[in-house]
Every structure is written in C-alpha cells, then in structure tokens.
Amino acid sequence: MHTQSQIITIHAHAPAKPALGEACNGCGVCCAAEPCPVSLALLWPHQAPCRALIWSDATQRYLCGMVSDPTRFLGWLPKSMNASASRLFKRWIAANTVCDADAVLSE
C-alpha cells in the first residue's frame, strides 16, 4: 500500500480537524490540502492551499472566500452577483456541512 505525505500549514488558533463525517468547524485542512471543485473550475493556478482560503480573526476559523466574497477572487464577476454566486458555490462544495477531508494529521 502506498501512502502519500503532504505538509500543510494551518493557523495556530484554528480548531482541531473534526473526524470524517462530523460537523465542519472551519479547521481549513481540506482547503489547505487540495483545491475543491470550485477552485479547480474558477481559480488559477490550481494549487494547495487554495488561494481563497481565508482566516477569520473574528470567528477564529477558516472561511471559503468563494462563499464569503466571490467577487474578491473573481474580478470579472459583477458585485451584484456576489450573493447568488456565494449561494451557488456553497451548495456546490457543501460548505459548512460535514468534514470530508480524510487527511490523517500528525504534529
């Protein structure tokens, strides 16, 4: 069996990654490890961590910039479409639902 290792950097105050299938808590591991479908379709270059991964000091968690403020990352998107795009992207990636990052973390 081949396992792949990857080093990701997470904010010191980020919440601990929940178990796979538990409620999302904004730990940021998923977005730091690999781009999601929204990022792959709309953001270039395709890289990890996702460039739309935003740390929120106010909530002490990571946010998806494509959900919280899409026009910040998509300069061609009219500001009037921000709310609609946000809802679409949130649904597309099932943001804030359950943890789908199967990463095994070590310190």
N, C-alpha and C. Protein backbone atom coordinates (compact mmCIF):
# COMPACT_ATOMS: atom_id res chain seq x y z
N MET A 1 0.84 -1.18 0.00
CA MET A 1 0.00 0.00 0.00
C MET A 1 0.88 1.24 0.00
N HIS A 2 0.59 2.19 -0.88
CA HIS A 2 1.35 3.42 -0.99
C HIS A 2 0.59 4.55 -0.30
N THR A 3 1.27 5.25 0.59
CA THR A 3 0.66 6.41 1.22
C THR A 3 1.41 7.65 0.78
N GLN A 4 0.70 8.73 0.65
CA GLN A 4 1.28 9.98 0.21
C GLN A 4 1.33 10.94 1.39
N SER A 5 2.46 11.60 1.58
CA SER A 5 2.60 12.58 2.66
C SER A 5 2.59 13.98 2.08
N GLN A 6 2.02 14.88 2.85
CA GLN A 6 1.95 16.27 2.44
C GLN A 6 2.04 17.11 3.71
N ILE A 7 2.76 18.19 3.64
CA ILE A 7 2.84 19.12 4.76
C ILE A 7 1.97 20.32 4.45
N ILE A 8 1.05 20.63 5.37
CA ILE A 8 0.21 21.81 5.23
C ILE A 8 0.43 22.70 6.45
N THR A 9 0.22 23.98 6.26
CA THR A 9 0.37 24.95 7.34
C THR A 9 -1.01 25.48 7.70
N ILE A 10 -1.33 25.42 8.98
CA ILE A 10 -2.63 25.85 9.49
C ILE A 10 -2.39 26.90 10.57
N HIS A 11 -3.27 27.88 10.66
CA HIS A 11 -3.19 28.92 11.68
C HIS A 11 -3.13 28.29 13.07
N ALA A 12 -2.32 28.84 13.94
CA ALA A 12 -2.13 28.28 15.29
C ALA A 12 -3.42 28.21 16.09
N HIS A 13 -4.37 29.09 15.82
CA HIS A 13 -5.63 29.11 16.57
C HIS A 13 -6.77 28.40 15.86
N ALA A 14 -6.47 27.75 14.76
CA ALA A 14 -7.52 27.03 14.03
C ALA A 14 -8.04 25.89 14.89
N PRO A 15 -9.34 25.62 14.78
CA PRO A 15 -9.88 24.49 15.53
C PRO A 15 -9.28 23.18 15.05
N ALA A 16 -9.27 22.19 15.90
CA ALA A 16 -8.76 20.87 15.53
C ALA A 16 -9.66 20.26 14.46
N LYS A 17 -9.07 19.52 13.54
CA LYS A 17 -9.83 18.88 12.49
C LYS A 17 -10.82 17.89 13.10
N PRO A 18 -12.10 18.00 12.71
CA PRO A 18 -13.08 17.02 13.20
C PRO A 18 -12.89 15.69 12.48
N ALA A 19 -13.46 14.65 13.02
CA ALA A 19 -13.40 13.34 12.37
C ALA A 19 -14.20 13.39 11.07
N LEU A 20 -13.83 12.56 10.14
CA LEU A 20 -14.52 12.45 8.86
C LEU A 20 -16.01 12.22 9.12
N GLY A 21 -16.86 13.05 8.51
CA GLY A 21 -18.30 12.93 8.67
C GLY A 21 -18.90 13.75 9.79
N GLU A 22 -18.05 14.27 10.69
CA GLU A 22 -18.56 15.15 11.76
C GLU A 22 -18.79 16.55 11.20
N ALA A 23 -19.47 17.39 11.97
CA ALA A 23 -19.78 18.75 11.53
C ALA A 23 -18.51 19.53 11.20
N CYS A 24 -18.55 20.29 10.12
CA CYS A 24 -17.46 21.17 9.74
C CYS A 24 -17.29 22.24 10.81
N ASN A 25 -16.03 22.52 11.15
CA ASN A 25 -15.76 23.57 12.16
C ASN A 25 -14.84 24.65 11.64
N GLY A 26 -14.52 24.64 10.35
CA GLY A 26 -13.67 25.68 9.78
C GLY A 26 -12.20 25.48 10.08
N CYS A 27 -11.76 24.24 10.25
CA CYS A 27 -10.34 23.97 10.56
C CYS A 27 -9.43 24.32 9.38
N GLY A 28 -9.94 24.24 8.15
CA GLY A 28 -9.16 24.61 6.97
C GLY A 28 -8.31 23.52 6.36
N VAL A 29 -8.30 22.34 6.97
CA VAL A 29 -7.44 21.26 6.48
C VAL A 29 -7.78 20.89 5.04
N CYS A 30 -9.06 20.78 4.73
CA CYS A 30 -9.45 20.36 3.37
C CYS A 30 -8.91 21.32 2.32
N CYS A 31 -9.10 22.61 2.54
CA CYS A 31 -8.70 23.62 1.56
C CYS A 31 -7.19 23.84 1.53
N ALA A 32 -6.54 23.55 2.64
CA ALA A 32 -5.08 23.67 2.68
C ALA A 32 -4.42 22.49 1.97
N ALA A 33 -5.11 21.36 1.94
CA ALA A 33 -4.53 20.15 1.35
C ALA A 33 -4.73 20.05 -0.16
N GLU A 34 -5.91 20.47 -0.65
CA GLU A 34 -6.16 20.36 -2.09
C GLU A 34 -7.28 21.29 -2.51
N PRO A 35 -7.25 21.72 -3.77
CA PRO A 35 -8.30 22.60 -4.28
C PRO A 35 -9.62 21.84 -4.41
N CYS A 36 -10.72 22.52 -4.14
CA CYS A 36 -12.06 21.93 -4.28
C CYS A 36 -12.53 22.10 -5.73
N PRO A 37 -13.70 21.56 -6.07
CA PRO A 37 -14.21 21.72 -7.45
C PRO A 37 -14.39 23.18 -7.87
N VAL A 38 -14.82 24.04 -6.97
CA VAL A 38 -14.99 25.46 -7.31
C VAL A 38 -13.63 26.07 -7.65
N SER A 39 -12.65 25.80 -6.83
CA SER A 39 -11.30 26.31 -7.07
C SER A 39 -10.73 25.78 -8.38
N LEU A 40 -10.92 24.49 -8.62
CA LEU A 40 -10.40 23.90 -9.86
C LEU A 40 -11.06 24.49 -11.09
N ALA A 41 -12.34 24.80 -10.99
CA ALA A 41 -13.06 25.34 -12.14
C ALA A 41 -12.79 26.82 -12.39
N LEU A 42 -12.57 27.59 -11.31
CA LEU A 42 -12.56 29.04 -11.46
C LEU A 42 -11.29 29.77 -11.04
N LEU A 43 -10.47 29.15 -10.25
CA LEU A 43 -9.26 29.85 -9.77
C LEU A 43 -8.02 29.27 -10.41
N TRP A 44 -7.14 30.15 -10.79
CA TRP A 44 -5.87 29.72 -11.40
C TRP A 44 -4.76 30.44 -10.71
N PRO A 45 -3.64 29.84 -10.41
CA PRO A 45 -3.31 28.46 -10.70
C PRO A 45 -3.99 27.50 -9.71
N HIS A 46 -4.10 26.26 -10.11
CA HIS A 46 -4.62 25.22 -9.21
C HIS A 46 -3.49 24.86 -8.26
N GLN A 47 -3.70 25.17 -7.01
CA GLN A 47 -2.64 24.96 -6.02
C GLN A 47 -3.23 24.70 -4.65
N ALA A 48 -2.42 24.16 -3.79
CA ALA A 48 -2.78 24.00 -2.38
C ALA A 48 -1.74 24.79 -1.59
N PRO A 49 -2.15 25.54 -0.60
CA PRO A 49 -3.53 25.74 -0.19
C PRO A 49 -4.30 26.59 -1.20
N CYS A 50 -5.60 26.44 -1.17
CA CYS A 50 -6.46 27.23 -2.06
C CYS A 50 -6.24 28.71 -1.76
N ARG A 51 -6.13 29.52 -2.79
CA ARG A 51 -5.89 30.94 -2.56
C ARG A 51 -7.11 31.65 -2.02
N ALA A 52 -8.28 31.00 -2.04
CA ALA A 52 -9.50 31.59 -1.47
C ALA A 52 -9.72 31.17 -0.01
N LEU A 53 -8.77 30.46 0.57
CA LEU A 53 -8.86 30.07 1.98
C LEU A 53 -8.51 31.29 2.83
N ILE A 54 -9.47 31.73 3.65
CA ILE A 54 -9.31 32.96 4.42
C ILE A 54 -9.40 32.67 5.91
N TRP A 55 -8.46 33.18 6.67
CA TRP A 55 -8.53 33.09 8.13
C TRP A 55 -9.38 34.25 8.65
N SER A 56 -10.30 33.95 9.56
CA SER A 56 -11.13 34.98 10.18
C SER A 56 -10.72 35.16 11.63
N ASP A 57 -10.12 36.32 11.95
CA ASP A 57 -9.79 36.61 13.34
C ASP A 57 -11.05 36.70 14.20
N ALA A 58 -12.11 37.23 13.61
CA ALA A 58 -13.37 37.44 14.35
C ALA A 58 -13.98 36.12 14.82
N THR A 59 -13.95 35.10 13.95
CA THR A 59 -14.58 33.82 14.30
C THR A 59 -13.58 32.74 14.68
N GLN A 60 -12.28 33.04 14.53
CA GLN A 60 -11.22 32.08 14.85
C GLN A 60 -11.41 30.77 14.10
N ARG A 61 -11.66 30.90 12.80
CA ARG A 61 -11.81 29.74 11.93
C ARG A 61 -11.53 30.17 10.49
N TYR A 62 -11.35 29.19 9.63
CA TYR A 62 -11.16 29.48 8.22
C TYR A 62 -12.51 29.62 7.53
N LEU A 63 -12.53 30.44 6.49
CA LEU A 63 -13.71 30.64 5.65
C LEU A 63 -13.31 30.39 4.21
N CYS A 64 -14.27 29.99 3.41
CA CYS A 64 -14.06 29.89 1.97
C CYS A 64 -14.35 31.25 1.37
N GLY A 65 -13.37 31.86 0.78
CA GLY A 65 -13.56 33.16 0.15
C GLY A 65 -14.50 33.11 -1.03
N MET A 66 -14.61 31.96 -1.67
CA MET A 66 -15.53 31.82 -2.80
C MET A 66 -16.97 31.78 -2.31
N VAL A 67 -17.17 31.49 -1.03
CA VAL A 67 -18.50 31.52 -0.43
C VAL A 67 -18.74 32.87 0.24
N SER A 68 -17.75 33.37 0.98
CA SER A 68 -17.95 34.60 1.74
C SER A 68 -17.89 35.87 0.89
N ASP A 69 -17.07 35.87 -0.19
CA ASP A 69 -16.94 37.07 -1.02
C ASP A 69 -16.38 36.70 -2.39
N PRO A 70 -17.19 36.04 -3.22
CA PRO A 70 -16.68 35.56 -4.52
C PRO A 70 -16.08 36.65 -5.41
N THR A 71 -16.64 37.85 -5.39
CA THR A 71 -16.12 38.89 -6.29
C THR A 71 -14.70 39.30 -5.92
N ARG A 72 -14.28 39.03 -4.71
CA ARG A 72 -12.89 39.30 -4.31
C ARG A 72 -11.92 38.44 -5.12
N PHE A 73 -12.34 37.25 -5.49
CA PHE A 73 -11.47 36.32 -6.20
C PHE A 73 -11.79 36.20 -7.68
N LEU A 74 -12.98 36.63 -8.06
CA LEU A 74 -13.40 36.60 -9.45
C LEU A 74 -13.66 38.03 -9.90
N GLY A 75 -12.61 38.70 -10.32
CA GLY A 75 -12.71 40.11 -10.69
C GLY A 75 -13.71 40.39 -11.80
N TRP A 76 -14.00 39.40 -12.62
CA TRP A 76 -14.94 39.57 -13.72
C TRP A 76 -16.40 39.46 -13.27
N LEU A 77 -16.64 38.98 -12.04
CA LEU A 77 -17.99 38.78 -11.55
C LEU A 77 -18.56 40.11 -11.03
N PRO A 78 -19.69 40.56 -11.56
CA PRO A 78 -20.26 41.82 -11.06
C PRO A 78 -20.64 41.70 -9.58
N LYS A 79 -20.42 42.78 -8.83
CA LYS A 79 -20.74 42.81 -7.40
C LYS A 79 -22.20 42.41 -7.16
N SER A 80 -23.08 42.75 -8.08
CA SER A 80 -24.49 42.42 -7.94
C SER A 80 -24.75 40.91 -7.94
N MET A 81 -23.78 40.12 -8.40
CA MET A 81 -23.90 38.66 -8.44
C MET A 81 -23.25 37.98 -7.24
N ASN A 82 -22.68 38.75 -6.32
CA ASN A 82 -21.95 38.19 -5.20
C ASN A 82 -22.80 37.21 -4.38
N ALA A 83 -24.00 37.62 -3.99
CA ALA A 83 -24.85 36.77 -3.15
C ALA A 83 -25.28 35.50 -3.89
N SER A 84 -25.63 35.63 -5.14
CA SER A 84 -26.05 34.46 -5.93
C SER A 84 -24.89 33.49 -6.11
N ALA A 85 -23.73 34.01 -6.44
CA ALA A 85 -22.55 33.16 -6.62
C ALA A 85 -22.18 32.49 -5.30
N SER A 86 -22.27 33.22 -4.21
CA SER A 86 -21.98 32.67 -2.90
C SER A 86 -22.87 31.47 -2.60
N ARG A 87 -24.17 31.61 -2.83
CA ARG A 87 -25.10 30.51 -2.59
C ARG A 87 -24.78 29.31 -3.48
N LEU A 88 -24.49 29.57 -4.73
CA LEU A 88 -24.16 28.50 -5.68
C LEU A 88 -22.90 27.75 -5.24
N PHE A 89 -21.85 28.50 -4.92
CA PHE A 89 -20.59 27.86 -4.54
C PHE A 89 -20.73 27.10 -3.23
N LYS A 90 -21.47 27.66 -2.29
CA LYS A 90 -21.69 26.99 -1.01
C LYS A 90 -22.36 25.64 -1.23
N ARG A 91 -23.34 25.63 -2.10
CA ARG A 91 -24.04 24.38 -2.40
C ARG A 91 -23.14 23.42 -3.17
N TRP A 92 -22.39 23.96 -4.12
CA TRP A 92 -21.53 23.13 -4.97
C TRP A 92 -20.49 22.36 -4.14
N ILE A 93 -19.93 23.00 -3.12
CA ILE A 93 -18.91 22.34 -2.31
C ILE A 93 -19.44 21.86 -0.96
N ALA A 94 -20.73 22.01 -0.73
CA ALA A 94 -21.35 21.59 0.54
C ALA A 94 -20.63 22.21 1.72
N ALA A 95 -20.32 23.50 1.60
CA ALA A 95 -19.59 24.22 2.65
C ALA A 95 -20.36 24.21 3.96
N ASN A 96 -19.63 24.10 5.04
CA ASN A 96 -20.18 24.13 6.40
C ASN A 96 -21.17 23.01 6.68
N THR A 97 -20.99 21.86 6.04
CA THR A 97 -21.86 20.73 6.32
C THR A 97 -21.09 19.74 7.19
N VAL A 98 -20.44 18.78 6.57
CA VAL A 98 -19.65 17.81 7.33
C VAL A 98 -18.22 17.78 6.81
N CYS A 99 -17.34 17.30 7.64
CA CYS A 99 -15.93 17.15 7.26
C CYS A 99 -15.80 16.05 6.23
N ASP A 100 -15.19 16.39 5.09
CA ASP A 100 -14.95 15.38 4.06
C ASP A 100 -13.46 15.21 3.77
N ALA A 101 -12.62 15.76 4.64
CA ALA A 101 -11.17 15.64 4.48
C ALA A 101 -10.70 14.37 5.19
N ASP A 102 -10.25 13.42 4.43
CA ASP A 102 -9.82 12.17 5.04
C ASP A 102 -8.34 12.18 5.42
N ALA A 103 -7.80 13.36 5.60
CA ALA A 103 -6.40 13.51 5.98
C ALA A 103 -6.15 12.99 7.39
N VAL A 104 -5.00 12.38 7.56
CA VAL A 104 -4.56 11.93 8.87
C VAL A 104 -3.47 12.91 9.29
N LEU A 105 -3.68 13.57 10.41
CA LEU A 105 -2.76 14.62 10.84
C LEU A 105 -1.75 14.09 11.85
N SER A 106 -0.55 14.62 11.75
CA SER A 106 0.48 14.34 12.75
C SER A 106 1.13 15.66 13.10
N GLU A 107 1.65 15.74 14.27
CA GLU A 107 2.26 17.01 14.71
C GLU A 107 3.76 16.91 14.75
